[in-house]
């Protein structure tokens, strides 16, 4: 029943064989989670990353941008200094 509910929410049409297969797979996943819950993790500190993470962003420096003519050269539609696109709003 849960597989059918999830399939409905995801707008998936599943065959009976697929429902049985996914039910077995989800059951295996849940069994594995129960097995993991048997581990004693009381001395393990919660973490978001297993390695230290540091800021990897570069400094924001002012640099010249590409020339407008070069940027627009491969555009299928342009008007003076701008891209042109099909109108989608009435």
N, C-alpha and C. Protein backbone atom coordinates (compact mmCIF):
# COMPACT_ATOMS: atom_id res chain seq x y z
N UNK A 1 0.81 -1.20 0.00
CA UNK A 1 0.00 0.00 0.00
C UNK A 1 0.85 1.27 0.00
N UNK A 2 1.95 1.27 0.78
CA UNK A 2 2.81 2.46 0.84
C UNK A 2 3.42 2.75 -0.52
N UNK A 3 3.84 1.70 -1.22
CA UNK A 3 4.44 1.88 -2.54
C UNK A 3 3.43 2.50 -3.49
N UNK A 4 2.20 2.05 -3.43
CA UNK A 4 1.15 2.62 -4.28
C UNK A 4 0.92 4.09 -3.95
N UNK A 5 0.95 4.42 -2.67
CA UNK A 5 0.75 5.81 -2.24
C UNK A 5 1.88 6.71 -2.75
N UNK A 6 3.11 6.24 -2.59
CA UNK A 6 4.26 7.01 -3.07
C UNK A 6 4.21 7.15 -4.59
N UNK A 7 3.85 6.08 -5.27
CA UNK A 7 3.73 6.12 -6.74
C UNK A 7 2.67 7.12 -7.16
N UNK A 8 1.57 7.17 -6.43
CA UNK A 8 0.51 8.14 -6.73
C UNK A 8 1.01 9.56 -6.55
N UNK A 9 1.73 9.80 -5.45
CA UNK A 9 2.26 11.14 -5.19
C UNK A 9 3.26 11.55 -6.27
N UNK A 10 4.05 10.59 -6.76
CA UNK A 10 5.06 10.87 -7.78
C UNK A 10 4.48 10.78 -9.19
N UNK A 11 3.20 10.47 -9.27
CA UNK A 11 2.51 10.31 -10.55
C UNK A 11 3.19 9.26 -11.44
N UNK A 12 3.50 8.12 -10.79
CA UNK A 12 4.11 7.00 -11.50
C UNK A 12 3.09 5.89 -11.65
N UNK A 13 3.07 5.27 -12.80
CA UNK A 13 2.20 4.13 -13.02
C UNK A 13 3.08 2.88 -12.92
N UNK A 14 2.87 2.08 -11.88
CA UNK A 14 3.69 0.91 -11.65
C UNK A 14 2.91 -0.36 -11.94
N UNK A 15 3.59 -1.33 -12.53
CA UNK A 15 2.98 -2.64 -12.75
C UNK A 15 2.99 -3.39 -11.41
N UNK A 16 2.26 -4.51 -11.36
CA UNK A 16 2.23 -5.31 -10.13
C UNK A 16 3.63 -5.84 -9.80
N UNK A 17 4.39 -6.23 -10.83
CA UNK A 17 5.75 -6.72 -10.60
C UNK A 17 6.64 -5.63 -10.02
N UNK A 18 6.50 -4.40 -10.53
CA UNK A 18 7.29 -3.28 -10.01
C UNK A 18 6.92 -2.99 -8.56
N UNK A 19 5.64 -3.05 -8.25
CA UNK A 19 5.21 -2.81 -6.87
C UNK A 19 5.82 -3.84 -5.92
N UNK A 20 5.82 -5.12 -6.34
CA UNK A 20 6.42 -6.16 -5.51
C UNK A 20 7.91 -5.95 -5.35
N UNK A 21 8.59 -5.61 -6.45
CA UNK A 21 10.03 -5.38 -6.42
C UNK A 21 10.38 -4.22 -5.49
N UNK A 22 9.68 -3.09 -5.65
CA UNK A 22 9.96 -1.92 -4.82
C UNK A 22 9.62 -2.17 -3.36
N UNK A 23 8.57 -2.94 -3.11
CA UNK A 23 8.21 -3.28 -1.71
C UNK A 23 9.35 -4.07 -1.07
N UNK A 24 9.90 -5.05 -1.81
CA UNK A 24 11.03 -5.83 -1.26
C UNK A 24 12.24 -4.94 -1.02
N UNK A 25 12.52 -4.05 -1.98
CA UNK A 25 13.69 -3.17 -1.86
C UNK A 25 13.55 -2.22 -0.67
N UNK A 26 12.39 -1.61 -0.52
CA UNK A 26 12.16 -0.70 0.61
C UNK A 26 12.23 -1.49 1.92
N UNK A 27 11.69 -2.69 1.93
CA UNK A 27 11.77 -3.53 3.12
C UNK A 27 13.21 -3.83 3.50
N UNK A 28 14.06 -4.10 2.50
CA UNK A 28 15.49 -4.35 2.75
C UNK A 28 16.17 -3.12 3.33
N UNK A 29 15.82 -1.95 2.82
CA UNK A 29 16.40 -0.70 3.33
C UNK A 29 16.00 -0.49 4.78
N UNK A 30 14.74 -0.71 5.08
CA UNK A 30 14.25 -0.52 6.46
C UNK A 30 14.91 -1.53 7.40
N UNK A 31 15.09 -2.78 6.94
CA UNK A 31 15.78 -3.78 7.76
C UNK A 31 17.21 -3.33 8.06
N UNK A 32 17.87 -2.76 7.07
CA UNK A 32 19.25 -2.30 7.25
C UNK A 32 19.30 -1.14 8.25
N UNK A 33 18.33 -0.25 8.18
CA UNK A 33 18.27 0.88 9.13
C UNK A 33 18.09 0.35 10.55
N UNK A 34 17.24 -0.66 10.72
CA UNK A 34 17.05 -1.26 12.05
C UNK A 34 18.36 -1.89 12.54
N UNK A 35 19.11 -2.49 11.63
CA UNK A 35 20.40 -3.09 12.01
C UNK A 35 21.37 -1.99 12.44
N UNK A 36 21.38 -0.86 11.72
CA UNK A 36 22.25 0.25 12.11
C UNK A 36 21.86 0.82 13.47
N UNK A 37 20.58 0.81 13.79
CA UNK A 37 20.12 1.33 15.08
C UNK A 37 20.61 0.49 16.25
N UNK A 38 21.08 -0.74 15.99
CA UNK A 38 21.61 -1.59 17.04
C UNK A 38 23.00 -1.15 17.50
N UNK A 39 23.68 -0.34 16.69
CA UNK A 39 25.03 0.11 17.03
C UNK A 39 24.99 1.11 18.17
N UNK A 40 26.00 1.01 19.04
CA UNK A 40 26.12 1.97 20.14
C UNK A 40 26.88 3.19 19.63
N UNK A 41 26.20 4.29 19.47
CA UNK A 41 26.83 5.52 18.97
C UNK A 41 26.86 6.61 20.04
N UNK A 42 26.75 6.22 21.29
CA UNK A 42 26.69 7.21 22.37
C UNK A 42 27.99 8.01 22.50
N UNK A 43 29.13 7.42 22.11
CA UNK A 43 30.41 8.13 22.20
C UNK A 43 30.80 8.81 20.89
N UNK A 44 29.92 8.79 19.92
CA UNK A 44 30.23 9.38 18.62
C UNK A 44 29.62 10.76 18.55
N UNK A 45 30.46 11.75 18.26
CA UNK A 45 29.99 13.13 18.17
C UNK A 45 29.26 13.34 16.84
N UNK A 46 28.10 14.01 16.85
CA UNK A 46 27.39 14.26 15.60
C UNK A 46 28.25 15.10 14.66
N UNK A 47 28.20 14.76 13.38
CA UNK A 47 28.98 15.50 12.38
C UNK A 47 28.16 15.72 11.13
N UNK A 48 28.53 16.75 10.40
CA UNK A 48 27.92 16.99 9.10
C UNK A 48 28.88 16.56 8.00
N UNK A 49 30.20 16.60 8.30
CA UNK A 49 31.24 16.20 7.35
C UNK A 49 32.27 15.35 8.08
N UNK A 50 32.81 14.39 7.38
CA UNK A 50 33.81 13.54 8.03
C UNK A 50 35.20 14.16 8.00
N UNK A 51 35.39 15.16 7.17
CA UNK A 51 36.67 15.88 7.14
C UNK A 51 36.40 17.34 7.44
N UNK A 52 37.43 18.04 7.92
CA UNK A 52 37.26 19.47 8.19
C UNK A 52 36.95 20.22 6.90
N UNK A 53 36.00 21.13 6.98
CA UNK A 53 35.61 21.92 5.82
C UNK A 53 36.01 23.35 6.07
N UNK A 54 36.62 23.96 5.08
CA UNK A 54 36.99 25.36 5.21
C UNK A 54 36.43 26.13 4.02
N UNK A 55 36.38 27.42 4.15
CA UNK A 55 35.87 28.26 3.08
C UNK A 55 36.80 28.15 1.87
N UNK A 56 36.24 27.72 0.75
CA UNK A 56 37.06 27.54 -0.45
C UNK A 56 36.79 28.63 -1.50
N UNK A 57 36.08 29.66 -1.10
CA UNK A 57 35.77 30.73 -2.02
C UNK A 57 36.98 31.64 -2.21
N UNK A 58 37.14 32.13 -3.41
CA UNK A 58 38.23 33.06 -3.66
C UNK A 58 37.79 34.47 -3.26
N UNK A 59 38.74 35.33 -3.12
CA UNK A 59 38.41 36.72 -2.80
C UNK A 59 37.67 37.34 -4.00
N UNK A 60 36.71 38.15 -3.69
CA UNK A 60 35.94 38.82 -4.73
C UNK A 60 36.71 40.03 -5.22
N UNK A 61 37.27 39.93 -6.41
CA UNK A 61 38.06 41.03 -6.96
C UNK A 61 37.42 41.55 -8.23
N UNK A 62 37.55 42.83 -8.43
CA UNK A 62 36.99 43.47 -9.61
C UNK A 62 37.88 43.19 -10.80
N UNK A 63 37.29 42.63 -11.86
CA UNK A 63 38.02 42.34 -13.09
C UNK A 63 37.19 42.80 -14.28
N UNK A 64 37.82 43.09 -15.40
CA UNK A 64 37.03 43.49 -16.57
C UNK A 64 36.20 42.33 -17.09
N UNK A 65 35.01 42.63 -17.54
CA UNK A 65 34.15 41.59 -18.08
C UNK A 65 34.43 41.42 -19.58
N UNK A 66 33.78 40.43 -20.17
CA UNK A 66 33.94 40.21 -21.61
C UNK A 66 33.34 41.37 -22.39
N UNK A 67 33.89 41.66 -23.55
CA UNK A 67 33.28 42.72 -24.37
C UNK A 67 31.88 42.29 -24.83
N UNK A 68 30.96 43.23 -24.82
CA UNK A 68 29.58 42.94 -25.16
C UNK A 68 29.45 42.32 -26.54
N UNK A 69 30.23 42.79 -27.49
CA UNK A 69 30.16 42.27 -28.85
C UNK A 69 30.54 40.78 -28.88
N UNK A 70 31.56 40.41 -28.13
CA UNK A 70 31.99 39.01 -28.07
C UNK A 70 30.93 38.13 -27.40
N UNK A 71 30.31 38.64 -26.36
CA UNK A 71 29.28 37.88 -25.65
C UNK A 71 28.09 37.60 -26.56
N UNK A 72 27.71 38.57 -27.36
CA UNK A 72 26.53 38.44 -28.21
C UNK A 72 26.80 37.79 -29.57
N UNK A 73 28.05 37.51 -29.89
CA UNK A 73 28.37 37.08 -31.25
C UNK A 73 27.72 35.75 -31.64
N UNK A 74 27.51 34.83 -30.71
CA UNK A 74 26.90 33.54 -31.05
C UNK A 74 25.41 33.47 -30.73
N UNK A 75 24.85 34.57 -30.31
CA UNK A 75 23.44 34.59 -29.96
C UNK A 75 22.58 34.47 -31.21
N UNK A 76 21.55 33.61 -31.18
CA UNK A 76 20.68 33.50 -32.35
C UNK A 76 19.81 34.74 -32.55
N UNK A 77 19.60 35.51 -31.48
CA UNK A 77 18.81 36.73 -31.60
C UNK A 77 19.37 37.83 -30.75
N UNK A 78 19.61 38.96 -31.36
CA UNK A 78 20.12 40.10 -30.59
C UNK A 78 19.58 41.38 -31.20
N UNK A 79 19.47 42.39 -30.35
CA UNK A 79 19.00 43.69 -30.78
C UNK A 79 19.90 44.73 -30.12
N UNK A 80 20.78 45.29 -30.88
CA UNK A 80 21.76 46.26 -30.38
C UNK A 80 22.63 45.60 -29.32
N UNK A 81 22.40 45.88 -28.06
CA UNK A 81 23.26 45.36 -26.99
C UNK A 81 22.57 44.32 -26.12
N UNK A 82 21.46 43.73 -26.61
CA UNK A 82 20.67 42.83 -25.78
C UNK A 82 20.35 41.54 -26.52
N UNK A 83 20.10 40.47 -25.75
CA UNK A 83 19.57 39.23 -26.31
C UNK A 83 18.10 39.44 -26.63
N UNK A 84 17.61 38.82 -27.67
CA UNK A 84 16.17 38.82 -27.93
C UNK A 84 15.68 37.39 -27.78
N UNK A 85 14.53 37.25 -27.13
CA UNK A 85 13.93 35.95 -26.90
C UNK A 85 12.47 36.01 -27.30
N UNK A 86 11.87 34.85 -27.60
CA UNK A 86 10.45 34.85 -27.96
C UNK A 86 9.59 35.33 -26.79
N UNK A 87 8.54 36.04 -27.08
CA UNK A 87 7.62 36.51 -26.05
C UNK A 87 6.80 35.32 -25.55
N UNK A 88 6.75 35.14 -24.23
CA UNK A 88 6.01 34.03 -23.67
C UNK A 88 4.82 34.49 -22.81
N UNK A 89 4.73 35.77 -22.54
CA UNK A 89 3.64 36.29 -21.73
C UNK A 89 2.72 37.08 -22.65
N UNK A 90 1.43 36.80 -22.52
CA UNK A 90 0.46 37.48 -23.39
C UNK A 90 0.16 38.87 -22.89
